[in-house]
């Protein structure tokens, strides 16, 4: 018989894509798609079960369907629908605890794949140039999605110790971008004017949403000869881009803010439409982060189709032309500046079109 795969977080586009992909896999017999909300997209031949992973009922779902493979995608930084940050954190942390508790009691579960993030490394001034999977962070993330990811990985390690018979694969994704990307950083890059920290030009890595689906598809199977798909792996496209390069490729101007005013950047971003931008995201846009992908290639046996630059280019194409008409550009800059204390410390990069009349 083929695999019985349960996927969480299927109401999001990424979860829906993965479910449809798994449904075409000849080695998979059934796909059980789980979410607390009904998806607005098709799930192919998957069986949808409306269930909240924060509740003990998830254990019944595993038992009723004799699930042998669990792919946990419901670890995210942005709310879905009307949910806020509190709901997101509860799903990330409490939901993972409940799911792992159910997996621990299940006699049929043999493989667990968890979507995590390179944000677990944090972003600090004295970080190494490149993080390995074994590199400890200089300082642990103190809040937001990054802290959630650290807690989730801690629970996963505890589960792996209690159930050594279960193959556990943790995929630490760099910032996911693409035409359908749903993340605080994607929202940031969609702004007409991007606030930045004056004097800093961080290095960033991206992974394309198509590659995310591909590597998840690999991780849920038994390893091929010469590969190993249990353990922790950094997942990112080749190369890096600086924030300045990103803004130029988007055709969007930046508003550099003095470092002492960085506390107000989050409120400025929320003012202009970014729903959840934690201090950890601000530190990323100050100090950047680059990870090694040697284990991804040599041990997991996965090579992304898109480089970091190609991923960003595809994302940028989906956003269309970036430069605003002069009056609209002035208004956007003023919106960002108004969110800072007394408007001080904000200065548009380059020449900002002046007001006419």
C-alpha atoms as a PDB file:
ATOM      1  CA  UNK A   1       0.000   0.000   0.000  1.00  0.00           C
ATOM      2  CA  UNK A   2       1.076   3.578  -0.628  1.00  0.00           C
ATOM      3  CA  UNK A   3       1.692   6.284   1.915  1.00  0.00           C
ATOM      4  CA  UNK A   4      -1.034   8.046   3.865  1.00  0.00           C
ATOM      5  CA  UNK A   5       0.146  11.648   4.193  1.00  0.00           C
ATOM      6  CA  UNK A   6      -1.389  14.279   6.471  1.00  0.00           C
ATOM      7  CA  UNK A   7      -0.608  17.923   5.659  1.00  0.00           C
ATOM      8  CA  UNK A   8      -1.407  20.822   8.010  1.00  0.00           C
ATOM      9  CA  UNK A   9      -1.925  24.440   6.969  1.00  0.00           C
ATOM     10  CA  UNK A  10      -3.671  23.643   3.689  1.00  0.00           C
ATOM     11  CA  UNK A  11      -5.815  26.806   3.650  1.00  0.00           C
ATOM     12  CA  UNK A  12      -2.739  28.753   2.566  1.00  0.00           C
ATOM     13  CA  UNK A  13      -1.588  28.748  -1.049  1.00  0.00           C
ATOM     14  CA  UNK A  14       1.625  26.879  -0.248  1.00  0.00           C
ATOM     15  CA  UNK A  15      -0.259  24.111   1.552  1.00  0.00           C
ATOM     16  CA  UNK A  16      -2.750  23.822  -1.275  1.00  0.00           C
ATOM     17  CA  UNK A  17       0.015  23.516  -3.859  1.00  0.00           C
ATOM     18  CA  UNK A  18       1.796  20.825  -1.873  1.00  0.00           C
ATOM     19  CA  UNK A  19      -1.392  18.805  -1.388  1.00  0.00           C
ATOM     20  CA  UNK A  20      -2.117  18.876  -5.123  1.00  0.00           C
ATOM     21  CA  UNK A  21       1.481  17.865  -5.833  1.00  0.00           C
ATOM     22  CA  UNK A  22       1.395  14.961  -3.369  1.00  0.00           C
ATOM     23  CA  UNK A  23      -1.929  13.807  -4.809  1.00  0.00           C
ATOM     24  CA  UNK A  24      -0.182  13.116  -8.132  1.00  0.00           C
ATOM     25  CA  UNK A  25       2.594  11.089  -6.466  1.00  0.00           C
ATOM     26  CA  UNK A  26       2.283   7.399  -7.423  1.00  0.00           C
ATOM     27  CA  UNK A  27       3.816   6.365  -4.085  1.00  0.00           C
ATOM     28  CA  UNK A  28       1.055   8.110  -2.109  1.00  0.00           C
ATOM     29  CA  UNK A  29      -2.239   6.312  -1.565  1.00  0.00           C
ATOM     30  CA  UNK A  30      -4.174   9.031   0.289  1.00  0.00           C
ATOM     31  CA  UNK A  31      -3.688  12.667   1.300  1.00  0.00           C
ATOM     32  CA  UNK A  32      -5.439  14.066   4.368  1.00  0.00           C
ATOM     33  CA  UNK A  33      -5.552  17.878   4.211  1.00  0.00           C
ATOM     34  CA  UNK A  34      -6.067  19.579   7.589  1.00  0.00           C
ATOM     35  CA  UNK A  35      -6.814  23.182   8.524  1.00  0.00           C
ATOM     36  CA  UNK A  36      -9.054  25.121  10.883  1.00  0.00           C
ATOM     37  CA  UNK A  37     -10.355  27.119   7.907  1.00  0.00           C
ATOM     38  CA  UNK A  38     -11.909  25.847   4.699  1.00  0.00           C
ATOM     39  CA  UNK A  39      -9.496  26.452   1.793  1.00  0.00           C
ATOM     40  CA  UNK A  40     -10.510  28.830  -0.959  1.00  0.00           C
ATOM     41  CA  UNK A  41      -8.602  26.764  -3.528  1.00  0.00           C
ATOM     42  CA  UNK A  42      -8.795  23.247  -4.913  1.00  0.00           C
ATOM     43  CA  UNK A  43      -7.068  20.371  -3.102  1.00  0.00           C
ATOM     44  CA  UNK A  44      -7.133  17.896  -5.948  1.00  0.00           C
ATOM     45  CA  UNK A  45      -8.093  14.437  -4.759  1.00  0.00           C
ATOM     46  CA  UNK A  46      -7.154  15.083  -1.127  1.00  0.00           C
ATOM     47  CA  UNK A  47      -9.648  14.522   1.664  1.00  0.00           C
ATOM     48  CA  UNK A  48     -10.158  17.754   3.579  1.00  0.00           C
ATOM     49  CA  UNK A  49     -10.677  17.523   7.341  1.00  0.00           C
ATOM     50  CA  UNK A  50     -11.588  20.726   9.121  1.00  0.00           C
ATOM     51  CA  UNK A  51      -9.670  20.499  12.397  1.00  0.00           C
ATOM     52  CA  UNK A  52      -7.766  22.885  14.647  1.00  0.00           C
ATOM     53  CA  UNK A  53      -4.356  21.445  15.456  1.00  0.00           C
ATOM     54  CA  UNK A  54      -4.447  23.357  18.760  1.00  0.00           C
ATOM     55  CA  UNK A  55      -7.139  20.913  19.912  1.00  0.00           C
ATOM     56  CA  UNK A  56      -6.646  17.270  21.024  1.00  0.00           C
ATOM     57  CA  UNK A  57      -9.012  16.140  18.252  1.00  0.00           C
ATOM     58  CA  UNK A  58      -6.041  16.054  15.856  1.00  0.00           C
ATOM     59  CA  UNK A  59      -5.060  12.740  17.486  1.00  0.00           C
ATOM     60  CA  UNK A  60      -8.333  11.202  16.306  1.00  0.00           C
ATOM     61  CA  UNK A  61      -7.620  12.332  12.754  1.00  0.00           C
ATOM     62  CA  UNK A  62      -4.250  10.545  12.785  1.00  0.00           C
ATOM     63  CA  UNK A  63      -5.810   7.394  14.216  1.00  0.00           C
ATOM     64  CA  UNK A  64      -8.901   7.272  11.965  1.00  0.00           C
ATOM     65  CA  UNK A  65      -6.848   7.551   8.794  1.00  0.00           C
ATOM     66  CA  UNK A  66      -3.824   5.469   9.925  1.00  0.00           C
ATOM     67  CA  UNK A  67      -1.493   8.281   8.888  1.00  0.00           C
ATOM     68  CA  UNK A  68       2.162   7.266   8.435  1.00  0.00           C
ATOM     69  CA  UNK A  69       3.634  10.580   7.207  1.00  0.00           C
ATOM     70  CA  UNK A  70       2.954  14.049   8.663  1.00  0.00           C
ATOM     71  CA  UNK A  71       3.972  17.273   6.890  1.00  0.00           C
ATOM     72  CA  UNK A  72       3.578  20.204   9.283  1.00  0.00           C
ATOM     73  CA  UNK A  73       3.271  23.448   7.294  1.00  0.00           C
ATOM     74  CA  UNK A  74       1.115  25.349   9.789  1.00  0.00           C
ATOM     75  CA  UNK A  75       4.082  27.321  11.164  1.00  0.00           C
ATOM     76  CA  UNK A  76       3.866  30.823   9.751  1.00  0.00           C
ATOM     77  CA  UNK A  77       4.494  34.499  10.409  1.00  0.00           C
ATOM     78  CA  UNK A  78       1.298  36.010   9.030  1.00  0.00           C
ATOM     79  CA  UNK A  79      -2.340  35.624  10.065  1.00  0.00           C
ATOM     80  CA  UNK A  80      -4.877  34.095   7.722  1.00  0.00           C
ATOM     81  CA  UNK A  81      -8.109  36.035   7.442  1.00  0.00           C
ATOM     82  CA  UNK A  82      -9.123  37.944  10.562  1.00  0.00           C
ATOM     83  CA  UNK A  83      -6.658  36.199  12.889  1.00  0.00           C
ATOM     84  CA  UNK A  84      -4.057  38.336  14.649  1.00  0.00           C
ATOM     85  CA  UNK A  85      -0.596  37.759  16.064  1.00  0.00           C
ATOM     86  CA  UNK A  86      -1.971  35.962  19.145  1.00  0.00           C
ATOM     87  CA  UNK A  87      -3.820  33.442  16.997  1.00  0.00           C
ATOM     88  CA  UNK A  88      -0.729  32.901  14.832  1.00  0.00           C
ATOM     89  CA  UNK A  89       1.482  32.252  17.873  1.00  0.00           C
ATOM     90  CA  UNK A  90      -1.017  29.835  19.376  1.00  0.00           C
ATOM     91  CA  UNK A  91      -1.193  27.867  16.135  1.00  0.00           C
ATOM     92  CA  UNK A  92       2.590  27.868  15.745  1.00  0.00           C
ATOM     93  CA  UNK A  93       3.458  26.837  19.294  1.00  0.00           C
ATOM     94  CA  UNK A  94       0.396  25.276  20.946  1.00  0.00           C
ATOM     95  CA  UNK A  95      -0.670  23.699  17.653  1.00  0.00           C
ATOM     96  CA  UNK A  96       2.756  22.108  17.188  1.00  0.00           C
ATOM     97  CA  UNK A  97       2.713  20.775  20.757  1.00  0.00           C
ATOM     98  CA  UNK A  98      -0.686  19.152  20.213  1.00  0.00           C
ATOM     99  CA  UNK A  99       0.310  17.716  16.847  1.00  0.00           C
ATOM    100  CA  UNK A 100       3.550  16.253  18.190  1.00  0.00           C
ATOM    101  CA  UNK A 101       1.705  14.809  21.166  1.00  0.00           C
ATOM    102  CA  UNK A 102      -0.700  13.099  18.773  1.00  0.00           C
ATOM    103  CA  UNK A 103       2.193  11.813  16.639  1.00  0.00           C
ATOM    104  CA  UNK A 104       3.947  10.476  19.732  1.00  0.00           C
ATOM    105  CA  UNK A 105       0.918   8.355  20.649  1.00  0.00           C
ATOM    106  CA  UNK A 106       0.276   7.168  17.093  1.00  0.00           C
ATOM    107  CA  UNK A 107       1.597   3.662  16.323  1.00  0.00           C
ATOM    108  CA  UNK A 108       1.398   4.289  12.561  1.00  0.00           C
ATOM    109  CA  UNK A 109       3.403   7.544  12.168  1.00  0.00           C
ATOM    110  CA  UNK A 110       6.854   6.848  10.726  1.00  0.00           C
ATOM    111  CA  UNK A 111       7.915  10.151   9.165  1.00  0.00           C
ATOM    112  CA  UNK A 112       7.565  13.798  10.218  1.00  0.00           C
ATOM    113  CA  UNK A 113       8.486  16.805   8.061  1.00  0.00           C
ATOM    114  CA  UNK A 114       8.408  20.261   9.672  1.00  0.00           C
ATOM    115  CA  UNK A 115       8.540  23.615   7.903  1.00  0.00           C
ATOM    116  CA  UNK A 116      10.841  25.908   9.887  1.00  0.00           C
ATOM    117  CA  UNK A 117      12.828  29.053   9.093  1.00  0.00           C
ATOM    118  CA  UNK A 118      16.395  30.343   9.002  1.00  0.00           C
ATOM    119  CA  UNK A 119      15.098  33.075  11.321  1.00  0.00           C
ATOM    120  CA  UNK A 120      16.020  30.713  14.194  1.00  0.00           C
ATOM    121  CA  UNK A 121      19.606  31.960  13.761  1.00  0.00           C
ATOM    122  CA  UNK A 122      18.561  35.520  14.535  1.00  0.00           C
ATOM    123  CA  UNK A 123      20.329  38.581  13.111  1.00  0.00           C
ATOM    124  CA  UNK A 124      23.074  40.269  15.097  1.00  0.00           C
ATOM    125  CA  UNK A 125      26.047  42.582  14.380  1.00  0.00           C
ATOM    126  CA  UNK A 126      28.680  39.901  15.070  1.00  0.00           C
ATOM    127  CA  UNK A 127      27.001  37.005  13.308  1.00  0.00           C
ATOM    128  CA  UNK A 128      29.181  34.695  11.200  1.00  0.00           C
ATOM    129  CA  UNK A 129      29.287  35.411   7.486  1.00  0.00           C
ATOM    130  CA  UNK A 130      27.489  32.106   6.844  1.00  0.00           C
ATOM    131  CA  UNK A 131      25.387  30.008   9.233  1.00  0.00           C
ATOM    132  CA  UNK A 132      25.735  26.223   9.218  1.00  0.00           C
ATOM    133  CA  UNK A 133      22.914  24.056  10.550  1.00  0.00           C
ATOM    134  CA  UNK A 134      25.026  23.497  13.670  1.00  0.00           C
ATOM    135  CA  UNK A 135      25.934  27.158  14.241  1.00  0.00           C
ATOM    136  CA  UNK A 136      24.341  28.518  17.440  1.00  0.00           C
ATOM    137  CA  UNK A 137      22.841  32.027  17.228  1.00  0.00           C
ATOM    138  CA  UNK A 138      24.712  34.889  18.878  1.00  0.00           C
ATOM    139  CA  UNK A 139      21.453  35.830  20.567  1.00  0.00           C
ATOM    140  CA  UNK A 140      18.164  33.945  20.432  1.00  0.00           C
ATOM    141  CA  UNK A 141      15.241  35.732  18.764  1.00  0.00           C
ATOM    142  CA  UNK A 142      13.213  37.568  21.388  1.00  0.00           C
ATOM    143  CA  UNK A 143       9.823  37.728  19.696  1.00  0.00           C
ATOM    144  CA  UNK A 144       7.634  37.312  16.638  1.00  0.00           C
ATOM    145  CA  UNK A 145       7.703  34.410  14.218  1.00  0.00           C
ATOM    146  CA  UNK A 146      11.440  33.852  14.787  1.00  0.00           C
ATOM    147  CA  UNK A 147      10.860  33.052  18.455  1.00  0.00           C
ATOM    148  CA  UNK A 148       7.943  30.785  17.498  1.00  0.00           C
ATOM    149  CA  UNK A 149      10.233  28.874  15.127  1.00  0.00           C
ATOM    150  CA  UNK A 150      12.845  28.400  17.888  1.00  0.00           C
ATOM    151  CA  UNK A 151      10.178  27.010  20.232  1.00  0.00           C
ATOM    152  CA  UNK A 152       8.750  24.753  17.523  1.00  0.00           C
ATOM    153  CA  UNK A 153      12.171  23.270  16.785  1.00  0.00           C
ATOM    154  CA  UNK A 154      12.719  22.679  20.500  1.00  0.00           C
ATOM    155  CA  UNK A 155       9.496  20.654  20.703  1.00  0.00           C
ATOM    156  CA  UNK A 156      10.455  18.737  17.560  1.00  0.00           C
ATOM    157  CA  UNK A 157      13.832  17.775  19.049  1.00  0.00           C
ATOM    158  CA  UNK A 158      12.063  16.517  22.166  1.00  0.00           C
ATOM    159  CA  UNK A 159       9.699  14.454  20.014  1.00  0.00           C
ATOM    160  CA  UNK A 160      12.629  12.961  18.082  1.00  0.00           C
ATOM    161  CA  UNK A 161      14.220  11.821  21.344  1.00  0.00           C
ATOM    162  CA  UNK A 162      10.991  10.204  22.544  1.00  0.00           C
ATOM    163  CA  UNK A 163      10.229   8.545  19.191  1.00  0.00           C
ATOM    164  CA  UNK A 164      13.584   7.525  17.689  1.00  0.00           C
ATOM    165  CA  UNK A 165      11.709   5.187  15.338  1.00  0.00           C
ATOM    166  CA  UNK A 166      10.218   8.204  13.504  1.00  0.00           C
ATOM    167  CA  UNK A 167      12.341   9.856  10.792  1.00  0.00           C
ATOM    168  CA  UNK A 168      12.223  13.611  11.472  1.00  0.00           C
ATOM    169  CA  UNK A 169      13.164  16.200   8.841  1.00  0.00           C
ATOM    170  CA  UNK A 170      13.268  19.919   9.718  1.00  0.00           C
ATOM    171  CA  UNK A 171      13.557  22.264   6.749  1.00  0.00           C
ATOM    172  CA  UNK A 172      14.798  25.758   7.622  1.00  0.00           C
ATOM    173  CA  UNK A 173      13.651  27.905   4.739  1.00  0.00           C
ATOM    174  CA  UNK A 174      15.194  31.247   3.869  1.00  0.00           C
ATOM    175  CA  UNK A 175      12.693  34.019   3.095  1.00  0.00           C
ATOM    176  CA  UNK A 176      10.108  32.503   0.730  1.00  0.00           C
ATOM    177  CA  UNK A 177       9.240  34.640  -2.280  1.00  0.00           C
ATOM    178  CA  UNK A 178       7.322  34.200  -5.514  1.00  0.00           C
ATOM    179  CA  UNK A 179       4.154  35.490  -7.186  1.00  0.00           C
ATOM    180  CA  UNK A 180       1.947  34.080  -4.386  1.00  0.00           C
ATOM    181  CA  UNK A 181       4.302  34.640  -1.433  1.00  0.00           C
ATOM    182  CA  UNK A 182       2.571  35.346   1.886  1.00  0.00           C
ATOM    183  CA  UNK A 183       5.038  36.726   4.447  1.00  0.00           C
ATOM    184  CA  UNK A 184       5.938  39.961   6.255  1.00  0.00           C
ATOM    185  CA  UNK A 185       8.993  40.374   3.995  1.00  0.00           C
ATOM    186  CA  UNK A 186       6.866  39.972   0.854  1.00  0.00           C
ATOM    187  CA  UNK A 187       4.574  42.687   2.227  1.00  0.00           C
ATOM    188  CA  UNK A 188       7.596  44.889   2.932  1.00  0.00           C
ATOM    189  CA  UNK A 189       8.868  44.518  -0.639  1.00  0.00           C
ATOM    190  CA  UNK A 190       5.380  45.384  -1.896  1.00  0.00           C
ATOM    191  CA  UNK A 191       5.461  48.830  -0.287  1.00  0.00           C
ATOM    192  CA  UNK A 192       5.700  51.811  -2.671  1.00  0.00           C
ATOM    193  CA  UNK A 193       8.519  53.202  -0.487  1.00  0.00           C
ATOM    194  CA  UNK A 194      10.660  50.984   1.767  1.00  0.00           C
ATOM    195  CA  UNK A 195      11.998  52.218   5.125  1.00  0.00           C
ATOM    196  CA  UNK A 196      15.606  51.089   5.742  1.00  0.00           C
ATOM    197  CA  UNK A 197      18.185  51.599   8.486  1.00  0.00           C
ATOM    198  CA  UNK A 198      20.626  54.370   7.566  1.00  0.00           C
ATOM    199  CA  UNK A 199      24.151  53.065   7.005  1.00  0.00           C
ATOM    200  CA  UNK A 200      23.198  49.369   6.688  1.00  0.00           C
ATOM    201  CA  UNK A 201      22.812  47.284   3.544  1.00  0.00           C
ATOM    202  CA  UNK A 202      22.104  43.721   4.699  1.00  0.00           C
ATOM    203  CA  UNK A 203      22.732  40.570   2.661  1.00  0.00           C
ATOM    204  CA  UNK A 204      19.596  38.505   2.084  1.00  0.00           C
ATOM    205  CA  UNK A 205      18.761  35.063   0.710  1.00  0.00           C
ATOM    206  CA  UNK A 206      15.517  33.872  -0.826  1.00  0.00           C
ATOM    207  CA  UNK A 207      13.938  30.575  -1.810  1.00  0.00           C
ATOM    208  CA  UNK A 208      11.293  30.310  -4.519  1.00  0.00           C
ATOM    209  CA  UNK A 209       7.882  28.943  -3.564  1.00  0.00           C
ATOM    210  CA  UNK A 210       8.192  26.352  -6.383  1.00  0.00           C
ATOM    211  CA  UNK A 211      11.402  25.044  -4.798  1.00  0.00           C
ATOM    212  CA  UNK A 212       9.672  24.918  -1.407  1.00  0.00           C
ATOM    213  CA  UNK A 213       7.035  22.572  -2.829  1.00  0.00           C
ATOM    214  CA  UNK A 214       9.708  20.480  -4.566  1.00  0.00           C
ATOM    215  CA  UNK A 215      11.883  19.970  -1.485  1.00  0.00           C
ATOM    216  CA  UNK A 216       8.889  19.149   0.712  1.00  0.00           C
ATOM    217  CA  UNK A 217       7.938  16.506  -1.839  1.00  0.00           C
ATOM    218  CA  UNK A 218      11.413  14.976  -1.511  1.00  0.00           C
ATOM    219  CA  UNK A 219      11.455  15.106   2.288  1.00  0.00           C
ATOM    220  CA  UNK A 220       8.274  13.089   2.778  1.00  0.00           C
ATOM    221  CA  UNK A 221       9.732  10.040   0.994  1.00  0.00           C
ATOM    222  CA  UNK A 222      12.287   7.465   1.959  1.00  0.00           C
ATOM    223  CA  UNK A 223      15.800   8.691   1.104  1.00  0.00           C
ATOM    224  CA  UNK A 224      17.246   7.855  -2.276  1.00  0.00           C
ATOM    225  CA  UNK A 225      20.512   5.969  -2.476  1.00  0.00           C
ATOM    226  CA  UNK A 226      23.375   8.125  -1.228  1.00  0.00           C
ATOM    227  CA  UNK A 227      21.074  10.677   0.425  1.00  0.00           C
ATOM    228  CA  UNK A 228      19.554  11.165   3.863  1.00  0.00           C
ATOM    229  CA  UNK A 229      16.340  13.072   4.437  1.00  0.00           C
ATOM    230  CA  UNK A 230      16.177  13.124   8.192  1.00  0.00           C
ATOM    231  CA  UNK A 231      17.858  15.857  10.197  1.00  0.00           C
ATOM    232  CA  UNK A 232      17.896  19.646   9.869  1.00  0.00           C
ATOM    233  CA  UNK A 233      18.588  21.383   6.563  1.00  0.00           C
ATOM    234  CA  UNK A 234      18.960  24.989   5.444  1.00  0.00           C
ATOM    235  CA  UNK A 235      16.980  25.600   2.241  1.00  0.00           C
ATOM    236  CA  UNK A 236      17.870  28.647   0.106  1.00  0.00           C
ATOM    237  CA  UNK A 237      18.653  29.614  -3.467  1.00  0.00           C
ATOM    238  CA  UNK A 238      22.261  30.171  -4.521  1.00  0.00           C
ATOM    239  CA  UNK A 239      23.774  33.611  -4.035  1.00  0.00           C
ATOM    240  CA  UNK A 240      22.731  36.683  -2.079  1.00  0.00           C
ATOM    241  CA  UNK A 241      21.228  40.101  -2.753  1.00  0.00           C
ATOM    242  CA  UNK A 242      21.676  43.233  -0.689  1.00  0.00           C
ATOM    243  CA  UNK A 243      18.661  45.270   0.324  1.00  0.00           C
ATOM    244  CA  UNK A 244      19.834  48.103  -1.933  1.00  0.00           C
ATOM    245  CA  UNK A 245      19.959  45.727  -4.900  1.00  0.00           C
ATOM    246  CA  UNK A 246      16.432  44.559  -4.068  1.00  0.00           C
ATOM    247  CA  UNK A 247      15.052  48.102  -3.997  1.00  0.00           C
ATOM    248  CA  UNK A 248      16.686  48.943  -7.345  1.00  0.00           C
ATOM    249  CA  UNK A 249      15.339  45.792  -8.987  1.00  0.00           C
ATOM    250  CA  UNK A 250      11.874  46.602  -7.702  1.00  0.00           C
ATOM    251  CA  UNK A 251      12.111  50.216  -8.834  1.00  0.00           C
ATOM    252  CA  UNK A 252      11.107  51.375  -5.375  1.00  0.00           C
ATOM    253  CA  UNK A 253      12.846  54.151  -3.431  1.00  0.00           C
ATOM    254  CA  UNK A 254      13.952  53.748   0.174  1.00  0.00           C
ATOM    255  CA  UNK A 255      13.630  56.040   3.199  1.00  0.00           C
ATOM    256  CA  UNK A 256      16.763  55.562   5.360  1.00  0.00           C
ATOM    257  CA  UNK A 257      16.059  55.977   9.081  1.00  0.00           C
ATOM    258  CA  UNK A 258      18.692  56.723  11.720  1.00  0.00           C
ATOM    259  CA  UNK A 259      19.470  53.705  13.898  1.00  0.00           C
ATOM    260  CA  UNK A 260      18.245  55.355  17.150  1.00  0.00           C
ATOM    261  CA  UNK A 261      14.793  55.603  15.543  1.00  0.00           C
ATOM    262  CA  UNK A 262      14.704  51.919  14.539  1.00  0.00           C
ATOM    263  CA  UNK A 263      12.164  51.216  17.305  1.00  0.00           C
ATOM    264  CA  UNK A 264       9.586  53.132  15.322  1.00  0.00           C
ATOM    265  CA  UNK A 265      10.173  51.343  12.014  1.00  0.00           C
ATOM    266  CA  UNK A 266       7.716  48.584  12.946  1.00  0.00           C
ATOM    267  CA  UNK A 267       4.922  51.069  13.629  1.00  0.00           C
ATOM    268  CA  UNK A 268       5.799  52.908  10.416  1.00  0.00           C
ATOM    269  CA  UNK A 269       5.490  49.689   8.423  1.00  0.00           C
ATOM    270  CA  UNK A 270       2.176  48.816  10.034  1.00  0.00           C
ATOM    271  CA  UNK A 271       0.957  52.320   9.185  1.00  0.00           C
ATOM    272  CA  UNK A 272       1.628  51.761   5.491  1.00  0.00           C
ATOM    273  CA  UNK A 273       0.191  48.255   5.320  1.00  0.00           C
ATOM    274  CA  UNK A 274       2.597  45.625   6.678  1.00  0.00           C
ATOM    275  CA  UNK A 275       0.448  43.645   9.094  1.00  0.00           C
ATOM    276  CA  UNK A 276       3.081  41.908  11.211  1.00  0.00           C
ATOM    277  CA  UNK A 277       6.620  43.220  11.317  1.00  0.00           C
ATOM    278  CA  UNK A 278       8.420  42.174  14.504  1.00  0.00           C
ATOM    279  CA  UNK A 279      11.735  43.480  15.880  1.00  0.00           C
ATOM    280  CA  UNK A 280      13.337  40.313  14.494  1.00  0.00           C
ATOM    281  CA  UNK A 281      12.342  41.331  10.971  1.00  0.00           C
ATOM    282  CA  UNK A 282      13.800  44.783  11.591  1.00  0.00           C
ATOM    283  CA  UNK A 283      17.068  43.195  12.735  1.00  0.00           C
ATOM    284  CA  UNK A 284      17.096  41.113   9.541  1.00  0.00           C
ATOM    285  CA  UNK A 285      16.840  44.334   7.504  1.00  0.00           C
ATOM    286  CA  UNK A 286      19.674  45.787   9.568  1.00  0.00           C
ATOM    287  CA  UNK A 287      22.207  42.967   9.793  1.00  0.00           C
ATOM    288  CA  UNK A 288      20.978  40.431   7.205  1.00  0.00           C
ATOM    289  CA  UNK A 289      21.512  36.671   7.291  1.00  0.00           C
ATOM    290  CA  UNK A 290      23.191  34.109   4.999  1.00  0.00           C
ATOM    291  CA  UNK A 291      23.122  30.322   5.477  1.00  0.00           C
ATOM    292  CA  UNK A 292      25.097  27.434   4.035  1.00  0.00           C
ATOM    293  CA  UNK A 293      23.206  25.038   1.757  1.00  0.00           C
ATOM    294  CA  UNK A 294      25.907  22.367   1.449  1.00  0.00           C
ATOM    295  CA  UNK A 295      23.879  19.822   3.447  1.00  0.00           C
ATOM    296  CA  UNK A 296      20.816  20.551   1.326  1.00  0.00           C
ATOM    297  CA  UNK A 297      22.731  19.512  -1.774  1.00  0.00           C
ATOM    298  CA  UNK A 298      25.066  16.803  -0.539  1.00  0.00           C
ATOM    299  CA  UNK A 299      22.966  15.084   2.137  1.00  0.00           C
ATOM    300  CA  UNK A 300      19.351  15.791   1.238  1.00  0.00           C
ATOM    301  CA  UNK A 301      20.110  15.616  -2.483  1.00  0.00           C
ATOM    302  CA  UNK A 302      18.132  18.714  -3.454  1.00  0.00           C
ATOM    303  CA  UNK A 303      19.196  21.447  -5.895  1.00  0.00           C
ATOM    304  CA  UNK A 304      16.854  24.463  -6.195  1.00  0.00           C
ATOM    305  CA  UNK A 305      15.711  25.474  -9.659  1.00  0.00           C
ATOM    306  CA  UNK A 306      15.925  29.181  -8.773  1.00  0.00           C
ATOM    307  CA  UNK A 307      18.839  31.197  -7.435  1.00  0.00           C
ATOM    308  CA  UNK A 308      18.233  33.979  -4.914  1.00  0.00           C
ATOM    309  CA  UNK A 309      18.417  36.550  -7.722  1.00  0.00           C
ATOM    310  CA  UNK A 310      16.061  34.571  -9.986  1.00  0.00           C
ATOM    311  CA  UNK A 311      13.598  34.113  -7.120  1.00  0.00           C
ATOM    312  CA  UNK A 312      13.556  37.834  -6.460  1.00  0.00           C
ATOM    313  CA  UNK A 313      13.198  38.606 -10.168  1.00  0.00           C
ATOM    314  CA  UNK A 314      10.111  36.388 -10.403  1.00  0.00           C
ATOM    315  CA  UNK A 315       8.640  38.075  -7.333  1.00  0.00           C
ATOM    316  CA  UNK A 316       9.410  41.527  -8.749  1.00  0.00           C
ATOM    317  CA  UNK A 317       7.707  40.688 -12.069  1.00  0.00           C
ATOM    318  CA  UNK A 318       4.558  39.740 -10.212  1.00  0.00           C
ATOM    319  CA  UNK A 319       4.476  43.197  -8.577  1.00  0.00           C
ATOM    320  CA  UNK A 320       4.648  45.145 -11.835  1.00  0.00           C
ATOM    321  CA  UNK A 321       6.260  48.584 -12.258  1.00  0.00           C
ATOM    322  CA  UNK A 322       7.466  50.007  -8.975  1.00  0.00           C
ATOM    323  CA  UNK A 323       8.047  53.719  -9.417  1.00  0.00           C
ATOM    324  CA  UNK A 324       5.070  55.890  -8.515  1.00  0.00           C
ATOM    325  CA  UNK A 325       4.055  59.166 -10.148  1.00  0.00           C
ATOM    326  CA  UNK A 326       5.768  62.122  -8.375  1.00  0.00           C
ATOM    327  CA  UNK A 327       2.781  63.202  -6.287  1.00  0.00           C
ATOM    328  CA  UNK A 328       2.001  59.648  -5.170  1.00  0.00           C
ATOM    329  CA  UNK A 329       5.662  59.081  -4.327  1.00  0.00           C
ATOM    330  CA  UNK A 330       5.782  62.195  -2.134  1.00  0.00           C
ATOM    331  CA  UNK A 331       2.619  61.063  -0.341  1.00  0.00           C
ATOM    332  CA  UNK A 332       4.059  57.587   0.303  1.00  0.00           C
ATOM    333  CA  UNK A 333       7.312  59.030   1.684  1.00  0.00           C
ATOM    334  CA  UNK A 334       5.323  61.393   3.919  1.00  0.00           C
ATOM    335  CA  UNK A 335       3.296  58.455   5.257  1.00  0.00           C
ATOM    336  CA  UNK A 336       6.446  56.646   6.355  1.00  0.00           C
ATOM    337  CA  UNK A 337       8.041  59.790   7.791  1.00  0.00           C
ATOM    338  CA  UNK A 338       4.880  60.708   9.714  1.00  0.00           C
ATOM    339  CA  UNK A 339       5.032  57.415  11.605  1.00  0.00           C
ATOM    340  CA  UNK A 340       8.445  58.309  13.002  1.00  0.00           C
ATOM    341  CA  UNK A 341       8.847  60.553  16.085  1.00  0.00           C
ATOM    342  CA  UNK A 342       8.299  64.143  14.915  1.00  0.00           C
ATOM    343  CA  UNK A 343       9.279  62.992  11.426  1.00  0.00           C
ATOM    344  CA  UNK A 344      12.975  63.252  12.423  1.00  0.00           C
ATOM    345  CA  UNK A 345      15.539  60.756  11.227  1.00  0.00           C
ATOM    346  CA  UNK A 346      13.809  59.994   7.958  1.00  0.00           C
ATOM    347  CA  UNK A 347      15.414  61.028   4.722  1.00  0.00           C
ATOM    348  CA  UNK A 348      14.435  59.758   1.278  1.00  0.00           C
ATOM    349  CA  UNK A 349      17.239  57.997  -0.543  1.00  0.00           C
ATOM    350  CA  UNK A 350      18.310  59.949  -3.593  1.00  0.00           C
ATOM    351  CA  UNK A 351      16.235  62.827  -4.877  1.00  0.00           C
ATOM    352  CA  UNK A 352      12.555  62.775  -4.038  1.00  0.00           C
ATOM    353  CA  UNK A 353      10.300  64.588  -6.510  1.00  0.00           C
ATOM    354  CA  UNK A 354       9.171  67.906  -5.071  1.00  0.00           C
ATOM    355  CA  UNK A 355       5.639  69.201  -4.801  1.00  0.00           C
ATOM    356  CA  UNK A 356       4.340  71.129  -7.766  1.00  0.00           C
ATOM    357  CA  UNK A 357       2.357  74.338  -7.527  1.00  0.00           C
END
